[in-house]
Amino acid sequence: MSVLDNTAISDAWIGTADLSFLPAHGEELADLAIQRTGKGFHFDLAYTVTDLKTLAGHSN
């Protein structure tokens, strides 16, 4: 788990969205037909990772 400091979010906005996949060699995303889009979100995010912590796993 990352321990973060100096987190900053700026230039955040919401609005209508368009989605398209450009053709790329070896990829099939451009063949997908977009059914619908909702709202679009954009923001700038910056942070500093000051430490890393190991999370204990669960065994079943």
N, C-alpha and C. Protein backbone atom coordinates (compact mmCIF):
# COMPACT_ATOMS: atom_id res chain seq x y z
N MET A 1 0.84 -1.16 0.00
CA MET A 1 0.00 0.00 0.00
C MET A 1 0.90 1.23 0.00
N SER A 2 0.58 2.17 -0.84
CA SER A 2 1.34 3.41 -0.89
C SER A 2 0.87 4.37 0.19
N VAL A 3 1.80 4.97 0.87
CA VAL A 3 1.50 6.04 1.84
C VAL A 3 1.79 7.35 1.11
N LEU A 4 0.77 8.18 0.97
CA LEU A 4 0.87 9.38 0.16
C LEU A 4 0.94 10.64 1.00
N ASP A 5 1.66 11.63 0.49
CA ASP A 5 1.72 12.98 1.07
C ASP A 5 1.62 13.98 -0.07
N ASN A 6 1.36 15.20 0.28
CA ASN A 6 1.33 16.31 -0.68
C ASN A 6 0.35 16.06 -1.83
N THR A 7 -0.81 15.50 -1.52
CA THR A 7 -1.81 15.23 -2.55
C THR A 7 -2.43 16.53 -3.02
N ALA A 8 -2.54 16.69 -4.34
CA ALA A 8 -3.14 17.90 -4.91
C ALA A 8 -3.99 17.50 -6.11
N ILE A 9 -5.20 18.04 -6.17
CA ILE A 9 -6.09 17.85 -7.30
C ILE A 9 -6.45 19.23 -7.83
N SER A 10 -6.33 19.41 -9.15
CA SER A 10 -6.66 20.71 -9.72
C SER A 10 -7.27 20.53 -11.10
N ASP A 11 -7.79 21.61 -11.63
CA ASP A 11 -8.38 21.65 -12.97
C ASP A 11 -9.42 20.54 -13.16
N ALA A 12 -10.27 20.35 -12.16
CA ALA A 12 -11.30 19.31 -12.25
C ALA A 12 -12.54 19.85 -12.93
N TRP A 13 -13.09 19.03 -13.84
CA TRP A 13 -14.33 19.42 -14.49
C TRP A 13 -15.13 18.19 -14.90
N ILE A 14 -16.40 18.41 -15.16
CA ILE A 14 -17.33 17.36 -15.58
C ILE A 14 -18.11 17.89 -16.77
N GLY A 15 -18.45 17.03 -17.69
CA GLY A 15 -19.20 17.46 -18.87
C GLY A 15 -19.63 16.28 -19.70
N THR A 16 -20.09 16.54 -20.90
CA THR A 16 -20.48 15.46 -21.79
C THR A 16 -19.23 14.73 -22.28
N ALA A 17 -19.42 13.50 -22.72
CA ALA A 17 -18.26 12.69 -23.10
C ALA A 17 -18.47 12.05 -24.47
N ASP A 18 -17.38 11.88 -25.18
CA ASP A 18 -17.32 11.09 -26.40
C ASP A 18 -16.25 10.05 -26.20
N LEU A 19 -16.46 8.88 -26.78
CA LEU A 19 -15.49 7.80 -26.64
C LEU A 19 -15.26 7.16 -28.00
N SER A 20 -14.00 6.99 -28.35
CA SER A 20 -13.66 6.27 -29.57
C SER A 20 -12.32 5.57 -29.36
N PHE A 21 -12.16 4.45 -30.05
CA PHE A 21 -10.92 3.70 -29.99
C PHE A 21 -10.26 3.79 -31.35
N LEU A 22 -9.04 4.25 -31.39
CA LEU A 22 -8.31 4.37 -32.64
C LEU A 22 -7.70 3.02 -33.02
N PRO A 23 -7.60 2.76 -34.32
CA PRO A 23 -7.00 1.50 -34.74
C PRO A 23 -5.54 1.40 -34.28
N ALA A 24 -5.16 0.21 -33.85
CA ALA A 24 -3.79 -0.05 -33.45
C ALA A 24 -3.43 -1.46 -33.88
N HIS A 25 -2.26 -1.62 -34.44
CA HIS A 25 -1.81 -2.92 -34.94
C HIS A 25 -1.87 -3.97 -33.83
N GLY A 26 -2.55 -5.07 -34.09
CA GLY A 26 -2.63 -6.16 -33.13
C GLY A 26 -3.70 -5.99 -32.07
N GLU A 27 -4.45 -4.90 -32.11
CA GLU A 27 -5.50 -4.66 -31.11
C GLU A 27 -6.87 -4.69 -31.78
N GLU A 28 -7.88 -5.08 -31.03
CA GLU A 28 -9.23 -5.18 -31.56
C GLU A 28 -10.19 -4.15 -30.97
N LEU A 29 -9.72 -3.25 -30.13
CA LEU A 29 -10.61 -2.28 -29.49
C LEU A 29 -11.37 -1.42 -30.49
N ALA A 30 -10.73 -1.05 -31.60
CA ALA A 30 -11.38 -0.18 -32.59
C ALA A 30 -12.58 -0.85 -33.24
N ASP A 31 -12.68 -2.18 -33.14
CA ASP A 31 -13.81 -2.90 -33.71
C ASP A 31 -15.03 -2.90 -32.80
N LEU A 32 -14.88 -2.46 -31.57
CA LEU A 32 -16.01 -2.43 -30.64
C LEU A 32 -16.95 -1.28 -30.99
N ALA A 33 -18.23 -1.56 -30.96
CA ALA A 33 -19.23 -0.51 -31.20
C ALA A 33 -19.58 0.13 -29.85
N ILE A 34 -19.41 1.43 -29.74
CA ILE A 34 -19.74 2.13 -28.50
C ILE A 34 -21.26 2.19 -28.38
N GLN A 35 -21.81 1.72 -27.29
CA GLN A 35 -23.26 1.70 -27.09
C GLN A 35 -23.78 3.04 -26.58
N ARG A 36 -23.11 3.59 -25.59
CA ARG A 36 -23.50 4.89 -25.04
C ARG A 36 -22.39 5.42 -24.16
N THR A 37 -22.39 6.70 -23.95
CA THR A 37 -21.47 7.32 -22.99
C THR A 37 -22.28 8.17 -22.04
N GLY A 38 -21.75 8.37 -20.89
CA GLY A 38 -22.40 9.23 -19.90
C GLY A 38 -21.62 10.52 -19.77
N LYS A 39 -21.39 10.92 -18.56
CA LYS A 39 -20.64 12.14 -18.31
C LYS A 39 -19.14 11.85 -18.40
N GLY A 40 -18.38 12.88 -18.71
CA GLY A 40 -16.93 12.77 -18.74
C GLY A 40 -16.33 13.53 -17.57
N PHE A 41 -15.24 13.03 -17.04
CA PHE A 41 -14.56 13.65 -15.91
C PHE A 41 -13.09 13.85 -16.27
N HIS A 42 -12.53 14.94 -15.81
CA HIS A 42 -11.10 15.20 -16.01
C HIS A 42 -10.57 15.92 -14.78
N PHE A 43 -9.38 15.54 -14.36
CA PHE A 43 -8.71 16.29 -13.29
C PHE A 43 -7.23 15.98 -13.33
N ASP A 44 -6.45 16.90 -12.80
CA ASP A 44 -5.01 16.70 -12.64
C ASP A 44 -4.77 16.24 -11.21
N LEU A 45 -3.92 15.23 -11.05
CA LEU A 45 -3.63 14.66 -9.74
C LEU A 45 -2.12 14.55 -9.55
N ALA A 46 -1.66 14.97 -8.41
CA ALA A 46 -0.24 14.85 -8.08
C ALA A 46 -0.12 14.41 -6.62
N TYR A 47 0.88 13.58 -6.35
CA TYR A 47 1.13 13.17 -4.97
C TYR A 47 2.56 12.66 -4.85
N THR A 48 3.02 12.55 -3.62
CA THR A 48 4.33 12.01 -3.32
C THR A 48 4.15 10.70 -2.55
N VAL A 49 4.79 9.64 -3.00
CA VAL A 49 4.78 8.38 -2.26
C VAL A 49 5.93 8.45 -1.26
N THR A 50 5.57 8.49 0.02
CA THR A 50 6.59 8.64 1.06
C THR A 50 6.95 7.32 1.75
N ASP A 51 6.12 6.31 1.56
CA ASP A 51 6.40 5.02 2.19
C ASP A 51 5.55 3.96 1.51
N LEU A 52 5.93 2.70 1.68
CA LEU A 52 5.15 1.56 1.19
C LEU A 52 4.93 0.61 2.35
N LYS A 53 3.71 0.11 2.48
CA LYS A 53 3.39 -0.83 3.55
C LYS A 53 2.94 -2.14 2.92
N THR A 54 3.36 -3.26 3.50
CA THR A 54 2.94 -4.58 3.06
C THR A 54 1.62 -4.92 3.74
N LEU A 55 0.64 -5.33 2.94
CA LEU A 55 -0.66 -5.71 3.47
C LEU A 55 -0.68 -7.22 3.71
N ALA A 56 -1.24 -7.62 4.84
CA ALA A 56 -1.32 -9.04 5.17
C ALA A 56 -2.37 -9.68 4.28
N GLY A 57 -2.06 -10.84 3.73
CA GLY A 57 -3.00 -11.57 2.88
C GLY A 57 -3.95 -12.41 3.71
N HIS A 58 -5.06 -12.80 3.10
CA HIS A 58 -6.04 -13.67 3.76
C HIS A 58 -5.93 -15.05 3.17
N SER A 59 -5.99 -16.08 4.00
CA SER A 59 -6.00 -17.46 3.50
C SER A 59 -7.34 -18.07 3.84
N ASN A 60 -7.87 -18.82 2.88
CA ASN A 60 -9.18 -19.47 3.08
C ASN A 60 -9.02 -20.94 3.20
